[in-house]
């Protein structure tokens, strides 16, 4: 039997210990794991927020209703009379530029049950002025003429139609020419654009020529107003050129007809007395 030397034993033990430590070191070393690809995750989409209206508060006050225009207690204005609604008792106006303190009214005003209508004829003679007032019907005020209106409680109680005459600056009277005729008639209607008037002839003389019921106006026709002022010493006549629109419908007029039967001139008469 061979004898094992002591150094041999020592070497074997040493190698055994070294191998044990090596195995222990390998076990402790972590094993690297292969990376695993992560599945892509979609970014969350912001959903629109649902807007919910707040329920109406039953106790919330409703917006105030528009206030009705206050009644015009008492005022006087000047305006252009543009129309009359006879059925509903309303006049249509275009108020003239008011003073700062004047109230604005219109464009339509209700008539009082029995409004007073006055025609005021003012005749200027140098420094003096004579004013003649006469009650007339509302229909005797020509449309598109200037009027004064007294208003109380939103109703027109007084209407004034004013006519001004300057005695020192009169227009030349229209004289009849040879072959012309003169007739009196009531102006029933007027077609200003086509220059035609409707009349009802007033027969004053047995031999007077009959005309109408329609009369065509001649080119360049003229319209005059004759204001006759009667007084104790007689009468004075003043001639003023006007337009056909200044003659109220329903008024009496004089017509000068030329040889072709066309109206060359229309005369509107107004009489005043002292």
Protein backbone atom coordinates (compact mmCIF):
# COMPACT_ATOMS: atom_id res chain seq x y z
CA UNK A 1 0.00 0.00 0.00
CA UNK A 2 1.32 3.36 -1.13
CA UNK A 3 1.68 6.09 1.37
CA UNK A 4 0.08 9.41 0.51
CA UNK A 5 2.23 12.31 1.37
CA UNK A 6 0.99 15.13 3.48
CA UNK A 7 1.60 17.69 0.69
CA UNK A 8 -0.58 15.74 -1.64
CA UNK A 9 -3.48 15.93 0.78
CA UNK A 10 -2.98 19.63 1.26
CA UNK A 11 -3.01 20.30 -2.51
CA UNK A 12 -6.18 18.26 -2.99
CA UNK A 13 -8.02 20.12 -0.24
CA UNK A 14 -6.90 23.44 -1.61
CA UNK A 15 -8.18 22.64 -5.09
CA UNK A 16 -11.47 21.47 -3.60
CA UNK A 17 -11.97 24.76 -1.77
CA UNK A 18 -11.13 26.83 -4.86
CA UNK A 19 -13.65 24.86 -6.94
CA UNK A 20 -16.36 25.37 -4.33
CA UNK A 21 -15.84 29.14 -4.29
CA UNK A 22 -15.94 29.31 -8.08
CA UNK A 23 -19.24 27.46 -8.22
CA UNK A 24 -20.68 29.74 -5.59
CA UNK A 25 -19.65 32.86 -7.56
CA UNK A 26 -21.33 31.64 -10.73
CA UNK A 27 -24.60 31.01 -8.93
CA UNK A 28 -24.67 34.52 -7.43
CA UNK A 29 -24.12 36.34 -10.74
CA UNK A 30 -27.50 37.53 -12.12
CA UNK A 31 -28.48 36.29 -15.51
CA UNK A 32 -29.32 39.11 -17.95
CA UNK A 33 -32.84 38.82 -19.32
CA UNK A 34 -33.61 39.61 -22.92
CA UNK A 35 -35.65 42.79 -23.22
CA UNK A 36 -39.30 42.22 -24.02
CA UNK A 37 -40.88 44.72 -26.49
CA UNK A 38 -43.75 46.57 -24.93
CA UNK A 39 -46.98 46.80 -26.89
CA UNK A 40 -47.67 50.41 -27.95
CA UNK A 41 -50.38 52.08 -25.96
CA UNK A 42 -52.52 54.71 -27.72
CA UNK A 43 -52.54 58.15 -26.14
CA UNK A 44 -55.89 58.82 -24.55
CA UNK A 45 -58.09 61.19 -26.65
CA UNK A 46 -59.67 64.00 -24.71
CA UNK A 47 -63.40 63.60 -25.05
CA UNK A 48 -65.26 66.95 -25.32
CA UNK A 49 -66.87 67.88 -22.12
CA UNK A 50 -70.61 67.77 -22.28
CA UNK A 51 -72.03 71.23 -21.58
CA UNK A 52 -75.10 71.04 -19.55
CA UNK A 53 -77.25 74.15 -19.30
CA UNK A 54 -78.29 75.05 -15.88
CA UNK A 55 -81.99 74.59 -15.34
CA UNK A 56 -83.95 77.79 -15.49
CA UNK A 57 -84.62 79.27 -12.18
CA UNK A 58 -88.37 79.61 -11.85
CA UNK A 59 -87.80 82.51 -9.52
CA UNK A 60 -85.54 84.36 -11.98
CA UNK A 61 -87.16 87.62 -13.07
CA UNK A 62 -88.09 87.96 -16.73
CA UNK A 63 -86.63 90.96 -18.62
CA UNK A 64 -88.82 94.02 -18.22
CA UNK A 65 -91.28 94.62 -21.06
CA UNK A 66 -90.78 97.67 -23.25
CA UNK A 67 -92.51 100.64 -21.81
CA UNK A 68 -95.36 102.08 -23.84
CA UNK A 69 -94.75 105.62 -25.02
CA UNK A 70 -95.90 108.14 -22.51
CA UNK A 71 -98.96 110.13 -23.36
CA UNK A 72 -98.33 113.59 -24.68
CA UNK A 73 -100.19 115.68 -22.16
CA UNK A 74 -100.13 119.07 -23.86
CA UNK A 75 -97.92 120.24 -26.72
CA UNK A 76 -97.99 122.07 -30.04
CA UNK A 77 -95.90 121.05 -33.05
CA UNK A 78 -95.48 121.98 -36.70
CA UNK A 79 -95.55 119.24 -39.31
CA UNK A 80 -96.26 118.32 -42.91
CA UNK A 81 -99.60 116.56 -43.36
CA UNK A 82 -98.77 113.50 -45.47
CA UNK A 83 -102.01 111.51 -45.24
CA UNK A 84 -105.40 111.00 -43.60
CA UNK A 85 -106.94 107.68 -42.56
CA UNK A 86 -110.62 108.56 -42.44
CA UNK A 87 -111.75 105.11 -41.32
CA UNK A 88 -109.49 104.93 -38.26
CA UNK A 89 -109.38 108.64 -37.44
CA UNK A 90 -105.62 109.00 -37.85
CA UNK A 91 -103.45 111.58 -39.56
CA UNK A 92 -99.94 110.89 -40.86
CA UNK A 93 -97.34 113.59 -40.47
CA UNK A 94 -93.70 114.45 -40.91
CA UNK A 95 -92.76 116.57 -37.94
CA UNK A 96 -90.68 119.61 -38.79
CA UNK A 97 -87.41 120.09 -36.96
CA UNK A 98 -88.37 120.73 -33.38
CA UNK A 99 -86.81 123.13 -30.93
CA UNK A 100 -84.72 121.48 -28.20
CA UNK A 101 -87.57 121.85 -25.74
CA UNK A 102 -90.26 120.51 -28.09
CA UNK A 103 -91.52 116.98 -27.82
CA UNK A 104 -91.11 114.60 -30.74
CA UNK A 105 -94.36 113.06 -31.95
CA UNK A 106 -95.61 111.09 -34.93
CA UNK A 107 -95.41 109.75 -37.54
CA UNK A 108 -99.12 109.13 -36.90
CA UNK A 109 -101.46 110.86 -34.51
CA UNK A 110 -104.94 109.84 -33.47
CA UNK A 111 -107.62 112.45 -33.97
CA UNK A 112 -109.85 113.52 -31.12
CA UNK A 113 -113.55 112.82 -31.51
CA UNK A 114 -114.30 116.32 -32.77
CA UNK A 115 -111.05 118.13 -33.53
CA UNK A 116 -111.17 121.80 -34.39
CA UNK A 117 -109.74 122.66 -37.82
CA UNK A 118 -108.87 126.27 -38.64
CA UNK A 119 -107.59 127.96 -41.76
CA UNK A 120 -105.57 131.06 -40.93
CA UNK A 121 -104.95 133.53 -43.76
CA UNK A 122 -102.22 136.02 -42.88
CA UNK A 123 -101.93 139.07 -45.15
CA UNK A 124 -98.82 141.11 -44.70
CA UNK A 125 -99.05 144.79 -45.60
CA UNK A 126 -95.76 146.51 -44.95
CA UNK A 127 -95.20 146.37 -41.19
CA UNK A 128 -98.78 145.30 -40.47
CA UNK A 129 -100.30 141.85 -40.58
CA UNK A 130 -103.97 140.93 -40.80
CA UNK A 131 -104.89 137.46 -39.63
CA UNK A 132 -108.20 135.91 -40.69
CA UNK A 133 -109.30 132.64 -39.12
CA UNK A 134 -112.10 130.41 -40.31
CA UNK A 135 -113.29 126.96 -39.25
CA UNK A 136 -113.01 124.46 -42.08
CA UNK A 137 -113.22 120.72 -42.60
CA UNK A 138 -110.15 118.52 -42.30
CA UNK A 139 -110.48 117.64 -45.98
CA UNK A 140 -109.94 121.30 -46.88
CA UNK A 141 -106.34 121.10 -45.74
CA UNK A 142 -104.20 120.15 -48.75
CA UNK A 143 -101.93 117.17 -48.34
CA UNK A 144 -98.19 117.84 -48.10
CA UNK A 145 -98.86 121.28 -46.64
CA UNK A 146 -97.56 122.65 -43.35
CA UNK A 147 -99.91 122.58 -40.39
CA UNK A 148 -99.81 123.31 -36.69
CA UNK A 149 -101.12 120.60 -34.36
CA UNK A 150 -102.23 120.89 -30.75
CA UNK A 151 -101.97 117.52 -29.00
CA UNK A 152 -103.54 116.52 -25.71
CA UNK A 153 -103.37 113.02 -24.27
CA UNK A 154 -101.91 111.64 -27.53
CA UNK A 155 -104.78 113.04 -29.60
CA UNK A 156 -104.87 115.91 -32.07
CA UNK A 157 -107.46 118.34 -30.77
CA UNK A 158 -106.65 121.33 -33.01
CA UNK A 159 -105.21 121.59 -36.53
CA UNK A 160 -104.28 124.92 -38.12
CA UNK A 161 -103.59 125.42 -41.82
CA UNK A 162 -101.84 128.75 -42.49
CA UNK A 163 -101.71 130.69 -45.75
CA UNK A 164 -99.34 133.65 -46.08
CA UNK A 165 -99.88 136.48 -48.53
CA UNK A 166 -97.48 139.36 -49.09
CA UNK A 167 -99.54 142.27 -50.40
CA UNK A 168 -96.40 144.07 -51.59
CA UNK A 169 -95.08 141.12 -53.63
CA UNK A 170 -97.92 139.67 -55.64
CA UNK A 171 -97.68 137.43 -58.68
CA UNK A 172 -99.02 138.43 -62.07
CA UNK A 173 -102.63 137.51 -62.64
CA UNK A 174 -103.38 134.91 -65.33
CA UNK A 175 -105.49 136.50 -68.04
CA UNK A 176 -107.67 134.67 -70.54
CA UNK A 177 -106.67 134.68 -74.20
CA UNK A 178 -108.75 134.67 -77.38
CA UNK A 179 -110.54 131.39 -78.02
CA UNK A 180 -110.29 130.20 -74.40
CA UNK A 181 -113.19 129.34 -72.09
CA UNK A 182 -113.64 129.54 -68.32
CA UNK A 183 -115.64 127.08 -66.20
CA UNK A 184 -116.21 126.47 -62.50
CA UNK A 185 -115.93 122.96 -61.08
CA UNK A 186 -115.31 120.87 -57.97
CA UNK A 187 -111.89 119.20 -57.93
CA UNK A 188 -112.68 115.54 -57.21
CA UNK A 189 -109.26 113.95 -57.73
CA UNK A 190 -105.89 114.65 -59.29
CA UNK A 191 -103.32 112.48 -61.03
CA UNK A 192 -100.27 114.68 -60.58
CA UNK A 193 -97.90 112.41 -62.49
CA UNK A 194 -100.04 112.05 -65.61
CA UNK A 195 -101.42 115.61 -65.38
CA UNK A 196 -105.09 114.69 -65.30
CA UNK A 197 -107.79 116.00 -62.94
CA UNK A 198 -111.26 114.71 -62.26
CA UNK A 199 -113.94 117.38 -61.90
CA UNK A 200 -117.64 117.93 -61.40
CA UNK A 201 -118.54 120.95 -63.48
CA UNK A 202 -120.74 123.63 -61.95
CA UNK A 203 -123.10 124.94 -64.63
CA UNK A 204 -123.67 128.64 -63.97
CA UNK A 205 -124.82 129.84 -67.40
CA UNK A 206 -127.20 128.13 -69.85
CA UNK A 207 -124.75 128.63 -72.72
CA UNK A 208 -121.68 127.50 -70.74
CA UNK A 209 -119.62 124.80 -72.39
CA UNK A 210 -119.72 121.38 -70.76
CA UNK A 211 -116.38 119.76 -69.89
CA UNK A 212 -115.14 116.79 -67.90
CA UNK A 213 -115.43 114.60 -66.00
CA UNK A 214 -111.70 114.35 -66.80
CA UNK A 215 -109.57 117.25 -67.91
CA UNK A 216 -105.99 117.01 -69.14
CA UNK A 217 -103.57 119.69 -68.03
CA UNK A 218 -101.64 121.55 -70.74
CA UNK A 219 -97.86 121.64 -70.76
CA UNK A 220 -96.65 124.49 -68.58
CA UNK A 221 -100.04 124.93 -66.90
CA UNK A 222 -100.21 127.36 -63.97
CA UNK A 223 -102.13 127.37 -60.70
CA UNK A 224 -102.96 130.54 -58.83
CA UNK A 225 -104.64 131.34 -55.54
CA UNK A 226 -106.84 134.42 -55.40
CA UNK A 227 -107.33 135.76 -51.87
CA UNK A 228 -110.16 138.30 -51.73
CA UNK A 229 -110.22 140.48 -48.60
CA UNK A 230 -113.62 142.10 -48.03
CA UNK A 231 -113.93 145.15 -45.76
CA UNK A 232 -116.14 148.21 -45.28
CA UNK A 233 -114.52 150.15 -48.09
CA UNK A 234 -114.86 147.33 -50.63
CA UNK A 235 -112.47 144.49 -51.32
CA UNK A 236 -108.86 143.83 -52.21
CA UNK A 237 -107.56 140.88 -54.18
CA UNK A 238 -104.14 139.29 -53.78
CA UNK A 239 -102.67 136.84 -56.32
CA UNK A 240 -100.27 134.09 -55.30
CA UNK A 241 -98.75 131.38 -57.52
CA UNK A 242 -99.16 127.92 -55.98
CA UNK A 243 -99.00 124.28 -57.10
CA UNK A 244 -101.83 121.90 -57.84
CA UNK A 245 -100.95 119.99 -54.67
CA UNK A 246 -101.82 123.14 -52.70
CA UNK A 247 -105.46 122.90 -53.82
CA UNK A 248 -107.48 120.66 -51.49
CA UNK A 249 -109.51 117.90 -53.07
CA UNK A 250 -113.21 118.75 -52.91
CA UNK A 251 -112.69 122.51 -53.29
CA UNK A 252 -114.20 124.72 -55.96
CA UNK A 253 -111.82 125.87 -58.69
CA UNK A 254 -111.92 127.90 -61.88
CA UNK A 255 -110.42 126.37 -65.04
CA UNK A 256 -109.16 128.22 -68.11
CA UNK A 257 -109.36 125.88 -71.11
CA UNK A 258 -107.44 126.58 -74.30
CA UNK A 259 -108.80 125.92 -77.79
CA UNK A 260 -107.67 122.28 -77.59
CA UNK A 261 -109.76 121.74 -74.42
CA UNK A 262 -106.67 121.48 -72.17
CA UNK A 263 -106.50 123.23 -68.81
CA UNK A 264 -103.97 126.04 -69.23
CA UNK A 265 -104.65 127.50 -65.79
CA UNK A 266 -106.46 126.70 -62.53
CA UNK A 267 -107.62 129.37 -60.11
CA UNK A 268 -108.35 128.63 -56.44
CA UNK A 269 -110.35 131.32 -54.62
CA UNK A 270 -110.32 132.09 -50.88
CA UNK A 271 -112.50 134.83 -49.41
CA UNK A 272 -111.85 136.52 -46.05
CA UNK A 273 -113.78 139.23 -44.26
CA UNK A 274 -112.86 141.76 -41.61
